[in-house]
N, C-alpha and C. Protein backbone atom coordinates (compact mmCIF):
# COMPACT_ATOMS: atom_id res chain seq x y z
N UNK A 1 10.90 -5.53 -5.33
CA UNK A 1 10.00 -5.75 -4.23
C UNK A 1 8.86 -6.64 -4.69
N UNK A 2 8.55 -7.64 -3.91
CA UNK A 2 7.45 -8.54 -4.23
C UNK A 2 6.37 -8.39 -3.18
N UNK A 3 5.15 -8.05 -3.61
CA UNK A 3 4.09 -7.91 -2.62
C UNK A 3 3.80 -9.24 -1.94
N UNK A 4 3.45 -9.18 -0.69
CA UNK A 4 3.12 -10.38 0.08
C UNK A 4 1.61 -10.51 0.13
N UNK A 5 1.13 -11.69 -0.15
CA UNK A 5 -0.30 -11.96 -0.09
C UNK A 5 -0.55 -13.03 0.96
N UNK A 6 -1.42 -12.72 1.88
CA UNK A 6 -1.81 -13.73 2.85
C UNK A 6 -2.75 -14.73 2.20
N UNK A 7 -2.92 -15.87 2.84
CA UNK A 7 -3.83 -16.89 2.31
C UNK A 7 -4.80 -17.27 3.41
N UNK A 8 -6.09 -17.21 3.08
CA UNK A 8 -7.14 -17.60 4.03
C UNK A 8 -7.20 -19.12 4.12
N UNK A 9 -7.87 -19.65 5.16
CA UNK A 9 -7.96 -21.12 5.30
C UNK A 9 -8.54 -21.83 4.07
N UNK A 10 -9.37 -21.14 3.29
CA UNK A 10 -9.94 -21.78 2.10
C UNK A 10 -9.02 -21.69 0.89
N UNK A 11 -7.80 -21.15 1.08
CA UNK A 11 -6.82 -21.09 -0.01
C UNK A 11 -6.91 -19.84 -0.86
N UNK A 12 -7.86 -18.98 -0.59
CA UNK A 12 -8.03 -17.75 -1.36
C UNK A 12 -7.12 -16.65 -0.79
N UNK A 13 -6.67 -15.70 -1.65
CA UNK A 13 -5.87 -14.58 -1.13
C UNK A 13 -6.64 -13.83 -0.05
N UNK A 14 -5.93 -13.38 0.95
CA UNK A 14 -6.54 -12.65 2.06
C UNK A 14 -5.94 -11.25 2.15
N UNK A 15 -6.73 -10.33 2.66
CA UNK A 15 -6.23 -8.97 2.86
C UNK A 15 -5.38 -8.91 4.12
N UNK A 16 -4.41 -8.02 4.11
CA UNK A 16 -3.56 -7.79 5.27
C UNK A 16 -3.40 -6.30 5.47
N UNK A 17 -3.34 -5.87 6.71
CA UNK A 17 -3.06 -4.48 7.03
C UNK A 17 -1.57 -4.32 7.24
N UNK A 18 -0.99 -3.31 6.63
CA UNK A 18 0.42 -3.00 6.79
C UNK A 18 0.52 -1.52 7.10
N UNK A 19 1.19 -1.19 8.19
CA UNK A 19 1.38 0.21 8.56
C UNK A 19 2.75 0.66 8.06
N UNK A 20 2.78 1.77 7.32
CA UNK A 20 4.04 2.29 6.78
C UNK A 20 4.22 3.74 7.19
N UNK A 21 5.44 4.10 7.54
CA UNK A 21 5.75 5.51 7.77
C UNK A 21 5.79 6.19 6.40
N UNK A 22 5.83 7.50 6.38
CA UNK A 22 5.82 8.25 5.12
C UNK A 22 6.99 7.86 4.22
N UNK A 23 8.17 7.68 4.81
CA UNK A 23 9.35 7.31 4.02
C UNK A 23 9.13 5.99 3.29
N UNK A 24 8.66 4.98 4.00
CA UNK A 24 8.46 3.66 3.39
C UNK A 24 7.26 3.64 2.45
N UNK A 25 6.25 4.44 2.73
CA UNK A 25 5.13 4.54 1.79
C UNK A 25 5.62 5.15 0.48
N UNK A 26 6.41 6.21 0.59
CA UNK A 26 6.95 6.86 -0.62
C UNK A 26 7.81 5.88 -1.41
N UNK A 27 8.69 5.14 -0.72
CA UNK A 27 9.59 4.20 -1.40
C UNK A 27 8.83 3.01 -1.99
N UNK A 28 7.66 2.69 -1.44
CA UNK A 28 6.88 1.53 -1.89
C UNK A 28 5.74 1.90 -2.83
N UNK A 29 5.57 3.18 -3.13
CA UNK A 29 4.42 3.64 -3.90
C UNK A 29 4.26 2.91 -5.23
N UNK A 30 5.33 2.75 -5.99
CA UNK A 30 5.23 2.10 -7.30
C UNK A 30 4.79 0.64 -7.16
N UNK A 31 5.34 -0.07 -6.17
CA UNK A 31 4.97 -1.47 -5.96
C UNK A 31 3.52 -1.59 -5.49
N UNK A 32 3.10 -0.68 -4.62
CA UNK A 32 1.72 -0.70 -4.15
C UNK A 32 0.74 -0.45 -5.29
N UNK A 33 1.08 0.51 -6.15
CA UNK A 33 0.22 0.79 -7.30
C UNK A 33 0.23 -0.37 -8.28
N UNK A 34 1.37 -1.02 -8.46
CA UNK A 34 1.48 -2.14 -9.41
C UNK A 34 0.61 -3.33 -8.99
N UNK A 35 0.47 -3.53 -7.69
CA UNK A 35 -0.36 -4.67 -7.24
C UNK A 35 -1.77 -4.22 -6.86
N UNK A 36 -2.13 -2.99 -7.24
CA UNK A 36 -3.47 -2.46 -7.03
C UNK A 36 -3.89 -2.49 -5.56
N UNK A 37 -2.92 -2.17 -4.68
CA UNK A 37 -3.20 -2.15 -3.24
C UNK A 37 -4.09 -0.96 -2.89
N UNK A 38 -4.92 -1.14 -1.89
CA UNK A 38 -5.73 -0.03 -1.38
C UNK A 38 -4.95 0.60 -0.24
N UNK A 39 -4.80 1.92 -0.28
CA UNK A 39 -4.01 2.65 0.71
C UNK A 39 -4.92 3.69 1.36
N UNK A 40 -4.83 3.78 2.69
CA UNK A 40 -5.65 4.70 3.45
C UNK A 40 -4.77 5.57 4.33
N UNK A 41 -5.22 6.80 4.58
CA UNK A 41 -4.48 7.67 5.49
C UNK A 41 -4.83 7.31 6.93
N UNK A 42 -4.27 8.04 7.87
CA UNK A 42 -4.45 7.70 9.29
C UNK A 42 -5.89 7.91 9.78
N UNK A 43 -6.70 8.61 8.98
CA UNK A 43 -8.10 8.82 9.34
C UNK A 43 -9.02 7.78 8.70
N UNK A 44 -8.44 6.88 7.89
CA UNK A 44 -9.22 5.85 7.23
C UNK A 44 -9.76 6.25 5.87
N UNK A 45 -9.34 7.43 5.40
CA UNK A 45 -9.77 7.88 4.08
C UNK A 45 -8.85 7.31 3.01
N UNK A 46 -9.41 6.88 1.87
CA UNK A 46 -8.57 6.30 0.82
C UNK A 46 -7.64 7.33 0.18
N UNK A 47 -6.46 6.89 -0.16
CA UNK A 47 -5.50 7.70 -0.90
C UNK A 47 -5.50 7.13 -2.31
N UNK A 48 -6.06 7.87 -3.26
CA UNK A 48 -6.21 7.36 -4.62
C UNK A 48 -4.96 7.49 -5.46
N UNK A 49 -4.21 8.56 -5.26
CA UNK A 49 -3.00 8.78 -6.05
C UNK A 49 -1.83 9.02 -5.11
N UNK A 50 -1.01 7.99 -4.93
CA UNK A 50 0.11 8.09 -3.98
C UNK A 50 1.08 9.18 -4.37
N UNK A 51 1.26 9.44 -5.65
CA UNK A 51 2.19 10.46 -6.10
C UNK A 51 1.83 11.86 -5.63
N UNK A 52 0.56 12.09 -5.35
CA UNK A 52 0.13 13.41 -4.89
C UNK A 52 0.28 13.61 -3.39
N UNK A 53 0.60 12.54 -2.67
CA UNK A 53 0.72 12.63 -1.21
C UNK A 53 2.01 13.36 -0.82
N UNK A 54 3.05 13.21 -1.63
CA UNK A 54 4.35 13.73 -1.27
C UNK A 54 4.73 14.89 -2.18
N UNK A 55 5.43 15.84 -1.63
CA UNK A 55 5.84 17.00 -2.40
C UNK A 55 7.01 16.72 -3.33
N UNK A 56 7.81 15.71 -3.00
CA UNK A 56 8.97 15.38 -3.83
C UNK A 56 9.25 13.90 -3.75
N UNK A 57 9.91 13.40 -4.74
CA UNK A 57 10.33 11.98 -4.78
C UNK A 57 11.82 11.92 -4.59
N UNK A 58 12.27 10.79 -4.12
CA UNK A 58 13.71 10.56 -3.99
C UNK A 58 14.10 9.41 -4.86
C-alpha cells in the first residue's frame, strides 16, 4: 500500500481527509502508522495507538 499525498497549488504536500470503516482502518493501520498519519475517531478525538482500537487483528 502506498499512501497518497495531495499537492497544494504551491507544490507542497497537502492534507486530505479519508473516511474509513473499521475493517479498512484495521487493514490500513500499519501503513497509516508508517506514514505518520493523524487518525481521529468519529467525535474528532485523536487515536494515538491504532492497535488499541481493535480487540483482535486479522
